[in-house]
Amino acid sequence: FTVLVAPSSGIRSRLGITIPRQVGNAVLRNRLRRLVREYFRTRREQFGDAHDFVVIPRPGTGWLRLRDL
């Protein structure tokens, strides 16, 4: 994964996910997108306030499980 972090102008942290086609087919990319969102949702307090995060998975990360993230 590559994670880009920037200060946000809002009061809450936000998440953006960009998944290249090299990671896998549409089913795999959507599954990975759901996992990253769930990870962020359940651990939002650990990320602090007012930051923007962009997560870019790399090829080979498509079959990770939530506990592996």
N, C-alpha and C. Protein backbone atom coordinates (compact mmCIF):
# COMPACT_ATOMS: atom_id res chain seq x y z
N PHE A 1 0.83 -1.19 0.00
CA PHE A 1 0.00 0.00 0.00
C PHE A 1 0.87 1.24 0.00
N THR A 2 0.35 2.26 -0.63
CA THR A 2 0.92 3.59 -0.51
C THR A 2 -0.16 4.45 0.13
N VAL A 3 0.19 5.19 1.17
CA VAL A 3 -0.77 6.05 1.85
C VAL A 3 -0.24 7.47 1.81
N LEU A 4 -1.04 8.36 1.25
CA LEU A 4 -0.70 9.78 1.19
C LEU A 4 -1.53 10.49 2.25
N VAL A 5 -0.89 11.37 3.02
CA VAL A 5 -1.57 12.09 4.09
C VAL A 5 -1.35 13.58 3.90
N ALA A 6 -2.44 14.34 4.09
CA ALA A 6 -2.35 15.80 3.99
C ALA A 6 -3.29 16.41 5.03
N PRO A 7 -2.95 17.59 5.53
CA PRO A 7 -3.88 18.25 6.45
C PRO A 7 -5.18 18.59 5.72
N SER A 8 -6.28 18.52 6.45
CA SER A 8 -7.59 18.78 5.87
C SER A 8 -8.12 20.11 6.35
N SER A 9 -8.94 20.73 5.54
CA SER A 9 -9.56 21.99 5.95
C SER A 9 -10.83 21.73 6.77
N GLY A 10 -11.31 20.48 6.79
CA GLY A 10 -12.49 20.12 7.55
C GLY A 10 -12.16 19.78 8.98
N ILE A 11 -13.17 19.32 9.71
CA ILE A 11 -12.96 18.99 11.12
C ILE A 11 -12.77 17.50 11.33
N ARG A 12 -13.09 16.67 10.31
CA ARG A 12 -12.94 15.22 10.41
C ARG A 12 -11.95 14.72 9.37
N SER A 13 -11.36 13.58 9.67
CA SER A 13 -10.48 12.95 8.69
C SER A 13 -11.32 12.35 7.57
N ARG A 14 -10.75 12.34 6.35
CA ARG A 14 -11.45 11.78 5.20
C ARG A 14 -10.56 10.75 4.54
N LEU A 15 -11.20 9.86 3.78
CA LEU A 15 -10.50 8.77 3.13
C LEU A 15 -10.79 8.78 1.64
N GLY A 16 -9.75 8.62 0.85
CA GLY A 16 -9.88 8.43 -0.58
C GLY A 16 -9.15 7.15 -0.97
N ILE A 17 -9.74 6.39 -1.89
CA ILE A 17 -9.14 5.12 -2.29
C ILE A 17 -9.01 5.11 -3.80
N THR A 18 -7.82 4.84 -4.28
CA THR A 18 -7.56 4.71 -5.71
C THR A 18 -6.94 3.35 -5.94
N ILE A 19 -7.60 2.54 -6.77
CA ILE A 19 -7.12 1.18 -7.00
C ILE A 19 -6.86 0.99 -8.49
N PRO A 20 -5.60 0.79 -8.87
CA PRO A 20 -5.28 0.59 -10.29
C PRO A 20 -5.75 -0.78 -10.78
N ARG A 21 -5.97 -0.91 -12.06
CA ARG A 21 -6.44 -2.17 -12.65
C ARG A 21 -5.45 -3.31 -12.48
N GLN A 22 -4.19 -3.01 -12.27
CA GLN A 22 -3.18 -4.05 -12.11
C GLN A 22 -3.39 -4.87 -10.84
N VAL A 23 -4.18 -4.35 -9.90
CA VAL A 23 -4.44 -5.07 -8.65
C VAL A 23 -5.29 -6.31 -8.91
N GLY A 24 -6.20 -6.23 -9.87
CA GLY A 24 -7.05 -7.38 -10.17
C GLY A 24 -8.31 -6.97 -10.91
N ASN A 25 -9.23 -7.90 -11.04
CA ASN A 25 -10.47 -7.60 -11.75
C ASN A 25 -11.38 -6.74 -10.88
N ALA A 26 -12.55 -6.38 -11.41
CA ALA A 26 -13.46 -5.46 -10.71
C ALA A 26 -13.93 -6.03 -9.38
N VAL A 27 -14.19 -7.33 -9.32
CA VAL A 27 -14.64 -7.95 -8.08
C VAL A 27 -13.57 -7.81 -7.00
N LEU A 28 -12.34 -8.06 -7.35
CA LEU A 28 -11.23 -7.96 -6.40
C LEU A 28 -11.00 -6.52 -5.96
N ARG A 29 -11.07 -5.59 -6.90
CA ARG A 29 -10.88 -4.17 -6.56
C ARG A 29 -11.98 -3.68 -5.63
N ASN A 30 -13.23 -4.07 -5.90
CA ASN A 30 -14.34 -3.64 -5.03
C ASN A 30 -14.23 -4.26 -3.64
N ARG A 31 -13.80 -5.50 -3.56
CA ARG A 31 -13.60 -6.16 -2.27
C ARG A 31 -12.54 -5.43 -1.46
N LEU A 32 -11.45 -5.08 -2.11
CA LEU A 32 -10.37 -4.37 -1.44
C LEU A 32 -10.82 -2.98 -1.00
N ARG A 33 -11.61 -2.32 -1.82
CA ARG A 33 -12.15 -1.01 -1.47
C ARG A 33 -13.03 -1.10 -0.22
N ARG A 34 -13.87 -2.12 -0.15
CA ARG A 34 -14.72 -2.31 1.03
C ARG A 34 -13.89 -2.58 2.29
N LEU A 35 -12.85 -3.38 2.15
CA LEU A 35 -11.99 -3.68 3.30
C LEU A 35 -11.27 -2.43 3.82
N VAL A 36 -10.75 -1.62 2.92
CA VAL A 36 -10.04 -0.41 3.34
C VAL A 36 -11.01 0.55 4.02
N ARG A 37 -12.22 0.69 3.47
CA ARG A 37 -13.23 1.56 4.10
C ARG A 37 -13.58 1.06 5.50
N GLU A 38 -13.76 -0.24 5.65
CA GLU A 38 -14.10 -0.81 6.95
C GLU A 38 -12.96 -0.60 7.95
N TYR A 39 -11.73 -0.78 7.51
CA TYR A 39 -10.58 -0.55 8.37
C TYR A 39 -10.57 0.90 8.86
N PHE A 40 -10.79 1.83 7.95
CA PHE A 40 -10.79 3.25 8.31
C PHE A 40 -11.96 3.56 9.25
N ARG A 41 -13.13 3.01 8.97
CA ARG A 41 -14.32 3.28 9.77
C ARG A 41 -14.16 2.80 11.20
N THR A 42 -13.61 1.61 11.38
CA THR A 42 -13.50 1.05 12.73
C THR A 42 -12.33 1.62 13.53
N ARG A 43 -11.41 2.29 12.88
CA ARG A 43 -10.24 2.84 13.57
C ARG A 43 -10.08 4.35 13.35
N ARG A 44 -11.17 5.03 13.09
CA ARG A 44 -11.14 6.46 12.78
C ARG A 44 -10.46 7.29 13.87
N GLU A 45 -10.67 6.93 15.12
CA GLU A 45 -10.08 7.72 16.22
C GLU A 45 -8.56 7.62 16.23
N GLN A 46 -7.98 6.58 15.68
CA GLN A 46 -6.53 6.44 15.64
C GLN A 46 -5.89 7.35 14.59
N PHE A 47 -6.66 7.82 13.65
CA PHE A 47 -6.12 8.64 12.57
C PHE A 47 -6.08 10.13 12.90
N GLY A 48 -6.64 10.52 14.02
CA GLY A 48 -6.61 11.92 14.40
C GLY A 48 -7.63 12.74 13.64
N ASP A 49 -7.70 14.02 13.96
CA ASP A 49 -8.66 14.91 13.33
C ASP A 49 -8.02 15.70 12.20
N ALA A 50 -8.83 16.05 11.25
CA ALA A 50 -8.48 16.98 10.17
C ALA A 50 -7.30 16.52 9.32
N HIS A 51 -7.36 15.28 8.83
CA HIS A 51 -6.37 14.80 7.88
C HIS A 51 -7.09 14.13 6.71
N ASP A 52 -6.54 14.26 5.54
CA ASP A 52 -7.04 13.56 4.37
C ASP A 52 -6.08 12.43 4.05
N PHE A 53 -6.63 11.23 3.83
CA PHE A 53 -5.83 10.05 3.51
C PHE A 53 -6.22 9.54 2.13
N VAL A 54 -5.23 9.23 1.32
CA VAL A 54 -5.46 8.57 0.04
C VAL A 54 -4.69 7.26 0.09
N VAL A 55 -5.41 6.14 -0.08
CA VAL A 55 -4.82 4.81 -0.02
C VAL A 55 -4.75 4.25 -1.43
N ILE A 56 -3.56 3.78 -1.82
CA ILE A 56 -3.34 3.20 -3.14
C ILE A 56 -2.77 1.80 -2.95
N PRO A 57 -3.61 0.77 -3.10
CA PRO A 57 -3.10 -0.61 -2.99
C PRO A 57 -2.22 -0.95 -4.18
N ARG A 58 -1.28 -1.82 -3.96
CA ARG A 58 -0.37 -2.28 -5.01
C ARG A 58 -0.74 -3.69 -5.44
N PRO A 59 -0.31 -4.11 -6.61
CA PRO A 59 -0.60 -5.48 -7.05
C PRO A 59 -0.13 -6.51 -6.01
N GLY A 60 -0.94 -7.53 -5.81
CA GLY A 60 -0.62 -8.56 -4.83
C GLY A 60 -1.33 -8.37 -3.51
N THR A 61 -2.03 -7.25 -3.33
CA THR A 61 -2.73 -7.01 -2.06
C THR A 61 -4.20 -7.36 -2.14
N GLY A 62 -4.67 -7.84 -3.27
CA GLY A 62 -6.09 -8.06 -3.48
C GLY A 62 -6.73 -9.10 -2.60
N TRP A 63 -6.00 -10.10 -2.17
CA TRP A 63 -6.60 -11.16 -1.37
C TRP A 63 -6.29 -11.05 0.11
N LEU A 64 -5.90 -9.88 0.57
CA LEU A 64 -5.69 -9.69 2.00
C LEU A 64 -7.01 -9.72 2.75
N ARG A 65 -6.96 -10.09 4.01
CA ARG A 65 -8.14 -10.08 4.86
C ARG A 65 -8.07 -8.84 5.74
N LEU A 66 -9.20 -8.53 6.38
CA LEU A 66 -9.27 -7.34 7.24
C LEU A 66 -8.22 -7.38 8.32
N ARG A 67 -8.00 -8.53 8.94
CA ARG A 67 -7.00 -8.62 10.01
C ARG A 67 -5.57 -8.45 9.47
N ASP A 68 -5.36 -8.68 8.17
CA ASP A 68 -4.04 -8.50 7.56
C ASP A 68 -3.71 -7.03 7.29
N LEU A 69 -4.77 -6.21 7.18
CA LEU A 69 -4.52 -4.80 6.91
C LEU A 69 -3.88 -4.14 8.11
